[in-house]
Amino acid sequence: MRRDIFQAIADPTRRAIILLIAVQAMTPNALAEHFDTTRQAISKHLKVLIQCELVKPQQQGRQIYYQLEVEKIDEIDHWLRQFRKIWESRFERLDDLLTTLKKQQQ
């Protein structure tokens, strides 16, 4: 089953995992040290992130390191960009309105 990316990043623990592995690839044990939870819980979060293709496991010897799939993060950013443009436009219009009102008061 392929999960929805936005459901995956809605969880604060998964967002924190993404931030950690954005800096460097990490093992589940290394990730678990950053949380007040079990390694098994971290593995479940990693499974969701893998299903969404946000994280990729890479075998190195006997260890499995998890790394961020930057292309998927770019897809999220691309989708959010349209909303940034809308809000920036609204803020510019609000700024113009406030400037006009300020000039009228002077």
PDB file of N, CA and C in Angstrom:
ATOM      1  N   MET A   1       0.837  -1.188   0.000  1.00  0.00           N
ATOM      2  CA  MET A   1       0.000   0.000   0.000  1.00  0.00           C
ATOM      3  C   MET A   1       0.878   1.246   0.000  1.00  0.00           C
ATOM      4  N   ARG A   2       0.637   2.131  -0.912  1.00  0.00           N
ATOM      5  CA  ARG A   2       1.375   3.390  -0.975  1.00  0.00           C
ATOM      6  C   ARG A   2       0.619   4.428  -0.165  1.00  0.00           C
ATOM      7  N   ARG A   3       1.306   5.062   0.724  1.00  0.00           N
ATOM      8  CA  ARG A   3       0.691   6.054   1.598  1.00  0.00           C
ATOM      9  C   ARG A   3       0.791   7.451   0.989  1.00  0.00           C
ATOM     10  N   ASP A   4      -0.026   8.342   1.501  1.00  0.00           N
ATOM     11  CA  ASP A   4      -0.015   9.731   1.077  1.00  0.00           C
ATOM     12  C   ASP A   4       1.128  10.466   1.776  1.00  0.00           C
ATOM     13  N   ILE A   5       1.887  11.219   1.013  1.00  0.00           N
ATOM     14  CA  ILE A   5       3.034  11.945   1.556  1.00  0.00           C
ATOM     15  C   ILE A   5       2.604  12.902   2.655  1.00  0.00           C
ATOM     16  N   PHE A   6       1.488  13.584   2.467  1.00  0.00           N
ATOM     17  CA  PHE A   6       1.072  14.579   3.442  1.00  0.00           C
ATOM     18  C   PHE A   6       0.593  13.947   4.741  1.00  0.00           C
ATOM     19  N   GLN A   7       0.044  12.744   4.674  1.00  0.00           N
ATOM     20  CA  GLN A   7      -0.279  12.023   5.903  1.00  0.00           C
ATOM     21  C   GLN A   7       1.004  11.653   6.626  1.00  0.00           C
ATOM     22  N   ALA A   8       2.016  11.292   5.868  1.00  0.00           N
ATOM     23  CA  ALA A   8       3.288  10.900   6.471  1.00  0.00           C
ATOM     24  C   ALA A   8       3.946  12.074   7.188  1.00  0.00           C
ATOM     25  N   ILE A   9       3.973  13.236   6.550  1.00  0.00           N
ATOM     26  CA  ILE A   9       4.654  14.364   7.172  1.00  0.00           C
ATOM     27  C   ILE A   9       3.777  15.091   8.193  1.00  0.00           C
ATOM     28  N   ALA A  10       2.532  14.680   8.323  1.00  0.00           N
ATOM     29  CA  ALA A  10       1.662  15.270   9.342  1.00  0.00           C
ATOM     30  C   ALA A  10       2.103  14.872  10.748  1.00  0.00           C
ATOM     31  N   ASP A  11       2.793  13.750  10.862  1.00  0.00           N
ATOM     32  CA  ASP A  11       3.230  13.263  12.170  1.00  0.00           C
ATOM     33  C   ASP A  11       4.512  13.987  12.602  1.00  0.00           C
ATOM     34  N   PRO A  12       4.536  14.579  13.805  1.00  0.00           N
ATOM     35  CA  PRO A  12       5.719  15.318  14.245  1.00  0.00           C
ATOM     36  C   PRO A  12       6.976  14.459  14.378  1.00  0.00           C
ATOM     37  N   THR A  13       6.830  13.215  14.770  1.00  0.00           N
ATOM     38  CA  THR A  13       8.001  12.338  14.876  1.00  0.00           C
ATOM     39  C   THR A  13       8.601  12.082  13.502  1.00  0.00           C
ATOM     40  N   ARG A  14       7.754  11.846  12.509  1.00  0.00           N
ATOM     41  CA  ARG A  14       8.271  11.614  11.156  1.00  0.00           C
ATOM     42  C   ARG A  14       8.931  12.868  10.589  1.00  0.00           C
ATOM     43  N   ARG A  15       8.362  14.027  10.887  1.00  0.00           N
ATOM     44  CA  ARG A  15       9.002  15.273  10.435  1.00  0.00           C
ATOM     45  C   ARG A  15      10.371  15.426  11.091  1.00  0.00           C
ATOM     46  N   ALA A  16      10.473  15.078  12.356  1.00  0.00           N
ATOM     47  CA  ALA A  16      11.757  15.160  13.057  1.00  0.00           C
ATOM     48  C   ALA A  16      12.757  14.170  12.460  1.00  0.00           C
ATOM     49  N   ILE A  17      12.298  12.980  12.113  1.00  0.00           N
ATOM     50  CA  ILE A  17      13.171  11.991  11.467  1.00  0.00           C
ATOM     51  C   ILE A  17      13.689  12.545  10.143  1.00  0.00           C
ATOM     52  N   ILE A  18      12.806  13.147   9.370  1.00  0.00           N
ATOM     53  CA  ILE A  18      13.205  13.736   8.090  1.00  0.00           C
ATOM     54  C   ILE A  18      14.285  14.798   8.303  1.00  0.00           C
ATOM     55  N   LEU A  19      14.099  15.648   9.305  1.00  0.00           N
ATOM     56  CA  LEU A  19      15.099  16.676   9.590  1.00  0.00           C
ATOM     57  C   LEU A  19      16.445  16.061   9.960  1.00  0.00           C
ATOM     58  N   LEU A  20      16.417  15.010  10.761  1.00  0.00           N
ATOM     59  CA  LEU A  20      17.667  14.364  11.173  1.00  0.00           C
ATOM     60  C   LEU A  20      18.403  13.737   9.997  1.00  0.00           C
ATOM     61  N   ILE A  21      17.671  13.002   9.161  1.00  0.00           N
ATOM     62  CA  ILE A  21      18.363  12.323   8.061  1.00  0.00           C
ATOM     63  C   ILE A  21      18.627  13.258   6.880  1.00  0.00           C
ATOM     64  N   ALA A  22      18.076  14.463   6.919  1.00  0.00           N
ATOM     65  CA  ALA A  22      18.422  15.452   5.897  1.00  0.00           C
ATOM     66  C   ALA A  22      19.882  15.882   6.071  1.00  0.00           C
ATOM     67  N   VAL A  23      20.368  15.816   7.292  1.00  0.00           N
ATOM     68  CA  VAL A  23      21.745  16.194   7.592  1.00  0.00           C
ATOM     69  C   VAL A  23      22.698  15.059   7.239  1.00  0.00           C
ATOM     70  N   GLN A  24      22.314  13.833   7.628  1.00  0.00           N
ATOM     71  CA  GLN A  24      23.151  12.663   7.332  1.00  0.00           C
ATOM     72  C   GLN A  24      22.316  11.399   7.438  1.00  0.00           C
ATOM     73  N   ALA A  25      22.699  10.383   6.676  1.00  0.00           N
ATOM     74  CA  ALA A  25      22.026   9.086   6.746  1.00  0.00           C
ATOM     75  C   ALA A  25      22.234   8.499   8.139  1.00  0.00           C
ATOM     76  N   MET A  26      21.196   7.836   8.649  1.00  0.00           N
ATOM     77  CA  MET A  26      21.268   7.301  10.008  1.00  0.00           C
ATOM     78  C   MET A  26      20.641   5.919  10.087  1.00  0.00           C
ATOM     79  N   THR A  27      21.085   5.152  11.073  1.00  0.00           N
ATOM     80  CA  THR A  27      20.493   3.851  11.358  1.00  0.00           C
ATOM     81  C   THR A  27      19.289   4.055  12.271  1.00  0.00           C
ATOM     82  N   PRO A  28      18.397   3.062  12.360  1.00  0.00           N
ATOM     83  CA  PRO A  28      17.268   3.192  13.289  1.00  0.00           C
ATOM     84  C   PRO A  28      17.722   3.393  14.737  1.00  0.00           C
ATOM     85  N   ASN A  29      18.790   2.707  15.134  1.00  0.00           N
ATOM     86  CA  ASN A  29      19.287   2.885  16.504  1.00  0.00           C
ATOM     87  C   ASN A  29      19.757   4.312  16.744  1.00  0.00           C
ATOM     88  N   ALA A  30      20.479   4.877  15.797  1.00  0.00           N
ATOM     89  CA  ALA A  30      20.949   6.255  15.929  1.00  0.00           C
ATOM     90  C   ALA A  30      19.768   7.224  15.976  1.00  0.00           C
ATOM     91  N   LEU A  31      18.762   6.968  15.168  1.00  0.00           N
ATOM     92  CA  LEU A  31      17.565   7.817  15.191  1.00  0.00           C
ATOM     93  C   LEU A  31      16.836   7.700  16.525  1.00  0.00           C
ATOM     94  N   ALA A  32      16.708   6.486  17.041  1.00  0.00           N
ATOM     95  CA  ALA A  32      15.966   6.250  18.287  1.00  0.00           C
ATOM     96  C   ALA A  32      16.581   7.002  19.462  1.00  0.00           C
ATOM     97  N   GLU A  33      17.886   7.258  19.411  1.00  0.00           N
ATOM     98  CA  GLU A  33      18.550   7.993  20.488  1.00  0.00           C
ATOM     99  C   GLU A  33      18.036   9.422  20.612  1.00  0.00           C
ATOM    100  N   HIS A  34      17.435   9.939  19.553  1.00  0.00           N
ATOM    101  CA  HIS A  34      16.938  11.317  19.551  1.00  0.00           C
ATOM    102  C   HIS A  34      15.493  11.430  20.042  1.00  0.00           C
ATOM    103  N   PHE A  35      14.876  10.302  20.351  1.00  0.00           N
ATOM    104  CA  PHE A  35      13.457  10.306  20.716  1.00  0.00           C
ATOM    105  C   PHE A  35      13.232   9.536  22.014  1.00  0.00           C
ATOM    106  N   ASP A  36      12.164   9.866  22.664  1.00  0.00           N
ATOM    107  CA  ASP A  36      11.757   9.151  23.870  1.00  0.00           C
ATOM    108  C   ASP A  36      10.766   8.058  23.460  1.00  0.00           C
ATOM    109  N   THR A  37      11.263   7.121  22.653  1.00  0.00           N
ATOM    110  CA  THR A  37      10.434   6.040  22.133  1.00  0.00           C
ATOM    111  C   THR A  37      11.324   4.840  21.838  1.00  0.00           C
ATOM    112  N   THR A  38      10.718   3.754  21.442  1.00  0.00           N
ATOM    113  CA  THR A  38      11.483   2.536  21.175  1.00  0.00           C
ATOM    114  C   THR A  38      12.022   2.523  19.751  1.00  0.00           C
ATOM    115  N   ARG A  39      12.996   1.671  19.528  1.00  0.00           N
ATOM    116  CA  ARG A  39      13.539   1.483  18.193  1.00  0.00           C
ATOM    117  C   ARG A  39      12.459   0.929  17.269  1.00  0.00           C
ATOM    118  N   GLN A  40      11.582   0.079  17.806  1.00  0.00           N
ATOM    119  CA  GLN A  40      10.496  -0.489  17.008  1.00  0.00           C
ATOM    120  C   GLN A  40       9.542   0.604  16.524  1.00  0.00           C
ATOM    121  N   ALA A  41       9.269   1.580  17.370  1.00  0.00           N
ATOM    122  CA  ALA A  41       8.395   2.686  16.968  1.00  0.00           C
ATOM    123  C   ALA A  41       9.057   3.494  15.858  1.00  0.00           C
ATOM    124  N   ILE A  42      10.361   3.716  15.985  1.00  0.00           N
ATOM    125  CA  ILE A  42      11.095   4.439  14.938  1.00  0.00           C
ATOM    126  C   ILE A  42      11.045   3.652  13.635  1.00  0.00           C
ATOM    127  N   SER A  43      11.191   2.334  13.724  1.00  0.00           N
ATOM    128  CA  SER A  43      11.129   1.487  12.522  1.00  0.00           C
ATOM    129  C   SER A  43       9.771   1.592  11.840  1.00  0.00           C
ATOM    130  N   LYS A  44       8.707   1.690  12.631  1.00  0.00           N
ATOM    131  CA  LYS A  44       7.373   1.851  12.041  1.00  0.00           C
ATOM    132  C   LYS A  44       7.254   3.191  11.317  1.00  0.00           C
ATOM    133  N   HIS A  45       7.806   4.229  11.920  1.00  0.00           N
ATOM    134  CA  HIS A  45       7.795   5.540  11.264  1.00  0.00           C
ATOM    135  C   HIS A  45       8.610   5.486   9.972  1.00  0.00           C
ATOM    136  N   LEU A  46       9.759   4.821  10.021  1.00  0.00           N
ATOM    137  CA  LEU A  46      10.587   4.688   8.823  1.00  0.00           C
ATOM    138  C   LEU A  46       9.850   3.930   7.728  1.00  0.00           C
ATOM    139  N   LYS A  47       9.094   2.914   8.109  1.00  0.00           N
ATOM    140  CA  LYS A  47       8.335   2.134   7.123  1.00  0.00           C
ATOM    141  C   LYS A  47       7.347   3.032   6.375  1.00  0.00           C
ATOM    142  N   VAL A  48       6.665   3.906   7.103  1.00  0.00           N
ATOM    143  CA  VAL A  48       5.719   4.842   6.469  1.00  0.00           C
ATOM    144  C   VAL A  48       6.464   5.771   5.520  1.00  0.00           C
ATOM    145  N   LEU A  49       7.598   6.290   5.966  1.00  0.00           N
ATOM    146  CA  LEU A  49       8.371   7.205   5.129  1.00  0.00           C
ATOM    147  C   LEU A  49       8.914   6.512   3.882  1.00  0.00           C
ATOM    148  N   ILE A  50       9.260   5.236   4.012  1.00  0.00           N
ATOM    149  CA  ILE A  50       9.721   4.462   2.848  1.00  0.00           C
ATOM    150  C   ILE A  50       8.567   4.238   1.878  1.00  0.00           C
ATOM    151  N   GLN A  51       7.397   3.911   2.403  1.00  0.00           N
ATOM    152  CA  GLN A  51       6.230   3.682   1.549  1.00  0.00           C
ATOM    153  C   GLN A  51       5.867   4.937   0.762  1.00  0.00           C
ATOM    154  N   CYS A  52       6.139   6.099   1.335  1.00  0.00           N
ATOM    155  CA  CYS A  52       5.871   7.362   0.645  1.00  0.00           C
ATOM    156  C   CYS A  52       7.038   7.791  -0.234  1.00  0.00           C
ATOM    157  N   GLU A  53       8.075   7.000  -0.221  1.00  0.00           N
ATOM    158  CA  GLU A  53       9.286   7.275  -0.997  1.00  0.00           C
ATOM    159  C   GLU A  53       9.987   8.557  -0.569  1.00  0.00           C
ATOM    160  N   LEU A  54       9.823   8.929   0.704  1.00  0.00           N
ATOM    161  CA  LEU A  54      10.527  10.083   1.250  1.00  0.00           C
ATOM    162  C   LEU A  54      11.892   9.697   1.796  1.00  0.00           C
ATOM    163  N   VAL A  55      12.024   8.414   2.131  1.00  0.00           N
ATOM    164  CA  VAL A  55      13.250   7.892   2.722  1.00  0.00           C
ATOM    165  C   VAL A  55      13.625   6.619   1.986  1.00  0.00           C
ATOM    166  N   LYS A  56      14.930   6.409   1.870  1.00  0.00           N
ATOM    167  CA  LYS A  56      15.420   5.222   1.171  1.00  0.00           C
ATOM    168  C   LYS A  56      16.432   4.499   2.063  1.00  0.00           C
ATOM    169  N   PRO A  57      16.251   3.166   2.245  1.00  0.00           N
ATOM    170  CA  PRO A  57      17.246   2.412   3.019  1.00  0.00           C
ATOM    171  C   PRO A  57      18.440   2.055   2.141  1.00  0.00           C
ATOM    172  N   GLN A  58      19.605   2.043   2.760  1.00  0.00           N
ATOM    173  CA  GLN A  58      20.817   1.656   2.036  1.00  0.00           C
ATOM    174  C   GLN A  58      21.651   0.755   2.952  1.00  0.00           C
ATOM    175  N   GLN A  59      21.881  -0.458   2.494  1.00  0.00           N
ATOM    176  CA  GLN A  59      22.664  -1.440   3.246  1.00  0.00           C
ATOM    177  C   GLN A  59      24.148  -1.073   3.185  1.00  0.00           C
ATOM    178  N   GLN A  60      24.777  -1.004   4.351  1.00  0.00           N
ATOM    179  CA  GLN A  60      26.221  -0.789   4.445  1.00  0.00           C
ATOM    180  C   GLN A  60      26.755  -1.796   5.454  1.00  0.00           C
ATOM    181  N   GLY A  61      27.286  -2.887   4.942  1.00  0.00           N
ATOM    182  CA  GLY A  61      27.711  -3.969   5.830  1.00  0.00           C
ATOM    183  C   GLY A  61      26.497  -4.593   6.480  1.00  0.00           C
ATOM    184  N   ARG A  62      26.533  -4.691   7.800  1.00  0.00           N
ATOM    185  CA  ARG A  62      25.381  -5.258   8.511  1.00  0.00           C
ATOM    186  C   ARG A  62      24.359  -4.204   8.913  1.00  0.00           C
ATOM    187  N   GLN A  63      24.687  -2.950   8.690  1.00  0.00           N
ATOM    188  CA  GLN A  63      23.807  -1.851   9.083  1.00  0.00           C
ATOM    189  C   GLN A  63      22.967  -1.379   7.905  1.00  0.00           C
ATOM    190  N   ILE A  64      21.790  -0.888   8.222  1.00  0.00           N
ATOM    191  CA  ILE A  64      20.944  -0.238   7.222  1.00  0.00           C
ATOM    192  C   ILE A  64      20.866   1.238   7.602  1.00  0.00           C
ATOM    193  N   TYR A  65      21.268   2.079   6.676  1.00  0.00           N
ATOM    194  CA  TYR A  65      21.199   3.524   6.867  1.00  0.00           C
ATOM    195  C   TYR A  65      20.031   4.057   6.056  1.00  0.00           C
ATOM    196  N   TYR A  66      19.350   5.017   6.631  1.00  0.00           N
ATOM    197  CA  TYR A  66      18.211   5.635   5.955  1.00  0.00           C
ATOM    198  C   TYR A  66      18.607   7.041   5.542  1.00  0.00           C
ATOM    199  N   GLN A  67      18.311   7.351   4.274  1.00  0.00           N
ATOM    200  CA  GLN A  67      18.646   8.671   3.753  1.00  0.00           C
ATOM    201  C   GLN A  67      17.428   9.300   3.100  1.00  0.00           C
ATOM    202  N   LEU A  68      17.457  10.601   3.038  1.00  0.00           N
ATOM    203  CA  LEU A  68      16.352  11.375   2.497  1.00  0.00           C
ATOM    204  C   LEU A  68      16.323  11.287   0.977  1.00  0.00           C
ATOM    205  N   GLU A  69      15.133  11.163   0.422  1.00  0.00           N
ATOM    206  CA  GLU A  69      14.930  11.221  -1.033  1.00  0.00           C
ATOM    207  C   GLU A  69      14.601  12.669  -1.381  1.00  0.00           C
ATOM    208  N   VAL A  70      15.601  13.410  -1.754  1.00  0.00           N
ATOM    209  CA  VAL A  70      15.467  14.850  -1.985  1.00  0.00           C
ATOM    210  C   VAL A  70      14.448  15.152  -3.075  1.00  0.00           C
ATOM    211  N   GLU A  71      14.357  14.297  -4.084  1.00  0.00           N
ATOM    212  CA  GLU A  71      13.406  14.544  -5.174  1.00  0.00           C
ATOM    213  C   GLU A  71      11.967  14.597  -4.665  1.00  0.00           C
ATOM    214  N   LYS A  72      11.640  13.756  -3.692  1.00  0.00           N
ATOM    215  CA  LYS A  72      10.279  13.760  -3.135  1.00  0.00           C
ATOM    216  C   LYS A  72      10.019  15.036  -2.347  1.00  0.00           C
ATOM    217  N   ILE A  73      11.027  15.499  -1.636  1.00  0.00           N
ATOM    218  CA  ILE A  73      10.883  16.758  -0.902  1.00  0.00           C
ATOM    219  C   ILE A  73      10.680  17.896  -1.898  1.00  0.00           C
ATOM    220  N   ASP A  74      11.367  17.839  -3.020  1.00  0.00           N
ATOM    221  CA  ASP A  74      11.178  18.840  -4.072  1.00  0.00           C
ATOM    222  C   ASP A  74       9.749  18.821  -4.603  1.00  0.00           C
ATOM    223  N   GLU A  75       9.149  17.633  -4.720  1.00  0.00           N
ATOM    224  CA  GLU A  75       7.755  17.538  -5.170  1.00  0.00           C
ATOM    225  C   GLU A  75       6.821  18.231  -4.191  1.00  0.00           C
ATOM    226  N   ILE A  76       7.064  18.055  -2.904  1.00  0.00           N
ATOM    227  CA  ILE A  76       6.248  18.712  -1.881  1.00  0.00           C
ATOM    228  C   ILE A  76       6.417  20.222  -1.993  1.00  0.00           C
ATOM    229  N   ASP A  77       7.668  20.659  -2.135  1.00  0.00           N
ATOM    230  CA  ASP A  77       7.953  22.083  -2.255  1.00  0.00           C
ATOM    231  C   ASP A  77       7.266  22.672  -3.483  1.00  0.00           C
ATOM    232  N   HIS A  78       7.304  21.960  -4.588  1.00  0.00           N
ATOM    233  CA  HIS A  78       6.650  22.419  -5.822  1.00  0.00           C
ATOM    234  C   HIS A  78       5.151  22.602  -5.594  1.00  0.00           C
ATOM    235  N   TRP A  79       4.529  21.673  -4.912  1.00  0.00           N
ATOM    236  CA  TRP A  79       3.093  21.754  -4.648  1.00  0.00           C
ATOM    237  C   TRP A  79       2.786  22.940  -3.727  1.00  0.00           C
ATOM    238  N   LEU A  80       3.641  23.154  -2.716  1.00  0.00           N
ATOM    239  CA  LEU A  80       3.415  24.247  -1.772  1.00  0.00           C
ATOM    240  C   LEU A  80       3.693  25.618  -2.379  1.00  0.00           C
ATOM    241  N   ARG A  81       4.547  25.660  -3.386  1.00  0.00           N
ATOM    242  CA  ARG A  81       4.931  26.921  -4.020  1.00  0.00           C
ATOM    243  C   ARG A  81       3.708  27.698  -4.507  1.00  0.00           C
ATOM    244  N   GLN A  82       2.713  26.987  -5.022  1.00  0.00           N
ATOM    245  CA  GLN A  82       1.523  27.682  -5.524  1.00  0.00           C
ATOM    246  C   GLN A  82       0.802  28.439  -4.408  1.00  0.00           C
ATOM    247  N   PHE A  83       0.824  27.884  -3.200  1.00  0.00           N
ATOM    248  CA  PHE A  83       0.180  28.561  -2.072  1.00  0.00           C
ATOM    249  C   PHE A  83       1.003  29.739  -1.584  1.00  0.00           C
ATOM    250  N   ARG A  84       2.324  29.611  -1.665  1.00  0.00           N
ATOM    251  CA  ARG A  84       3.192  30.728  -1.304  1.00  0.00           C
ATOM    252  C   ARG A  84       2.892  31.932  -2.188  1.00  0.00           C
ATOM    253  N   LYS A  85       2.724  31.680  -3.482  1.00  0.00           N
ATOM    254  CA  LYS A  85       2.446  32.772  -4.418  1.00  0.00           C
ATOM    255  C   LYS A  85       1.128  33.456  -4.079  1.00  0.00           C
ATOM    256  N   ILE A  86       0.120  32.668  -3.741  1.00  0.00           N
ATOM    257  CA  ILE A  86      -1.191  33.230  -3.385  1.00  0.00           C
ATOM    258  C   ILE A  86      -1.056  34.107  -2.150  1.00  0.00           C
ATOM    259  N   TRP A  87      -0.394  33.590  -1.103  1.00  0.00           N
ATOM    260  CA  TRP A  87      -0.284  34.353   0.139  1.00  0.00           C
ATOM    261  C   TRP A  87       0.607  35.569  -0.027  1.00  0.00           C
ATOM    262  N   GLU A  88       1.671  35.455  -0.799  1.00  0.00           N
ATOM    263  CA  GLU A  88       2.515  36.624  -1.039  1.00  0.00           C
ATOM    264  C   GLU A  88       1.729  37.722  -1.730  1.00  0.00           C
ATOM    265  N   SER A  89       0.890  37.349  -2.681  1.00  0.00           N
ATOM    266  CA  SER A  89       0.053  38.322  -3.378  1.00  0.00           C
ATOM    267  C   SER A  89      -0.921  38.985  -2.407  1.00  0.00           C
ATOM    268  N   ARG A  90      -1.514  38.210  -1.546  1.00  0.00           N
ATOM    269  CA  ARG A  90      -2.459  38.769  -0.568  1.00  0.00           C
ATOM    270  C   ARG A  90      -1.754  39.706   0.415  1.00  0.00           C
ATOM    271  N   PHE A  91      -0.568  39.330   0.855  1.00  0.00           N
ATOM    272  CA  PHE A  91       0.181  40.195   1.769  1.00  0.00           C
ATOM    273  C   PHE A  91       0.593  41.495   1.087  1.00  0.00           C
ATOM    274  N   GLU A  92       0.956  41.426  -0.183  1.00  0.00           N
ATOM    275  CA  GLU A  92       1.308  42.642  -0.921  1.00  0.00           C
ATOM    276  C   GLU A  92       0.112  43.572  -1.034  1.00  0.00           C
ATOM    277  N   ARG A  93      -1.069  43.002  -1.314  1.00  0.00           N
ATOM    278  CA  ARG A  93      -2.278  43.829  -1.403  1.00  0.00           C
ATOM    279  C   ARG A  93      -2.609  44.447  -0.043  1.00  0.00           C
ATOM    280  N   LEU A  94      -2.438  43.693   1.017  1.00  0.00           N
ATOM    281  CA  LEU A  94      -2.691  44.207   2.363  1.00  0.00           C
ATOM    282  C   LEU A  94      -1.701  45.328   2.684  1.00  0.00           C
ATOM    283  N   ASP A  95      -0.451  45.124   2.327  1.00  0.00           N
ATOM    284  CA  ASP A  95       0.567  46.145   2.549  1.00  0.00           C
ATOM    285  C   ASP A  95       0.218  47.424   1.796  1.00  0.00           C
ATOM    286  N   ASP A  96      -0.219  47.287   0.548  1.00  0.00           N
ATOM    287  CA  ASP A  96      -0.629  48.453  -0.244  1.00  0.00           C
ATOM    288  C   ASP A  96      -1.800  49.173   0.414  1.00  0.00           C
ATOM    289  N   LEU A  97      -2.756  48.415   0.896  1.00  0.00           N
ATOM    290  CA  LEU A  97      -3.926  48.997   1.560  1.00  0.00           C
ATOM    291  C   LEU A  97      -3.507  49.744   2.825  1.00  0.00           C
ATOM    292  N   LEU A  98      -2.646  49.162   3.617  1.00  0.00           N
ATOM    293  CA  LEU A  98      -2.192  49.818   4.847  1.00  0.00           C
ATOM    294  C   LEU A  98      -1.401  51.083   4.541  1.00  0.00           C
ATOM    295  N   THR A  99      -0.602  51.042   3.502  1.00  0.00           N
ATOM    296  CA  THR A  99       0.149  52.231   3.091  1.00  0.00           C
ATOM    297  C   THR A  99      -0.805  53.341   2.673  1.00  0.00           C
ATOM    298  N   THR A 100      -1.833  52.993   1.915  1.00  0.00           N
ATOM    299  CA  THR A 100      -2.837  53.962   1.462  1.00  0.00           C
ATOM    300  C   THR A 100      -3.575  54.561   2.665  1.00  0.00           C
ATOM    301  N   LEU A 101      -3.974  53.731   3.595  1.00  0.00           N
ATOM    302  CA  LEU A 101      -4.681  54.213   4.777  1.00  0.00           C
ATOM    303  C   LEU A 101      -3.789  55.128   5.624  1.00  0.00           C
ATOM    304  N   LYS A 102      -2.543  54.769   5.744  1.00  0.00           N
ATOM    305  CA  LYS A 102      -1.613  55.600   6.511  1.00  0.00           C
ATOM    306  C   LYS A 102      -1.451  56.974   5.877  1.00  0.00           C
ATOM    307  N   LYS A 103      -1.360  57.003   4.542  1.00  0.00           N
ATOM    308  CA  LYS A 103      -1.218  58.279   3.834  1.00  0.00           C
ATOM    309  C   LYS A 103      -2.465  59.143   4.004  1.00  0.00           C
ATOM    310  N   GLN A 104      -3.632  58.509   4.031  1.00  0.00           N
ATOM    311  CA  GLN A 104      -4.892  59.251   4.188  1.00  0.00           C
ATOM    312  C   GLN A 104      -5.014  59.861   5.584  1.00  0.00           C
ATOM    313  N   GLN A 105      -4.413  59.228   6.567  1.00  0.00           N
ATOM    314  CA  GLN A 105      -4.475  59.737   7.933  1.00  0.00           C
ATOM    315  C   GLN A 105      -3.535  60.914   8.138  1.00  0.00           C
ATOM    316  N   GLN A 106      -2.518  61.040   7.318  1.00  0.00           N
ATOM    317  CA  GLN A 106      -1.532  62.114   7.476  1.00  0.00           C
ATOM    318  C   GLN A 106      -2.002  63.368   6.873  1.00  0.00           C
TER     319      GLN A 106
END
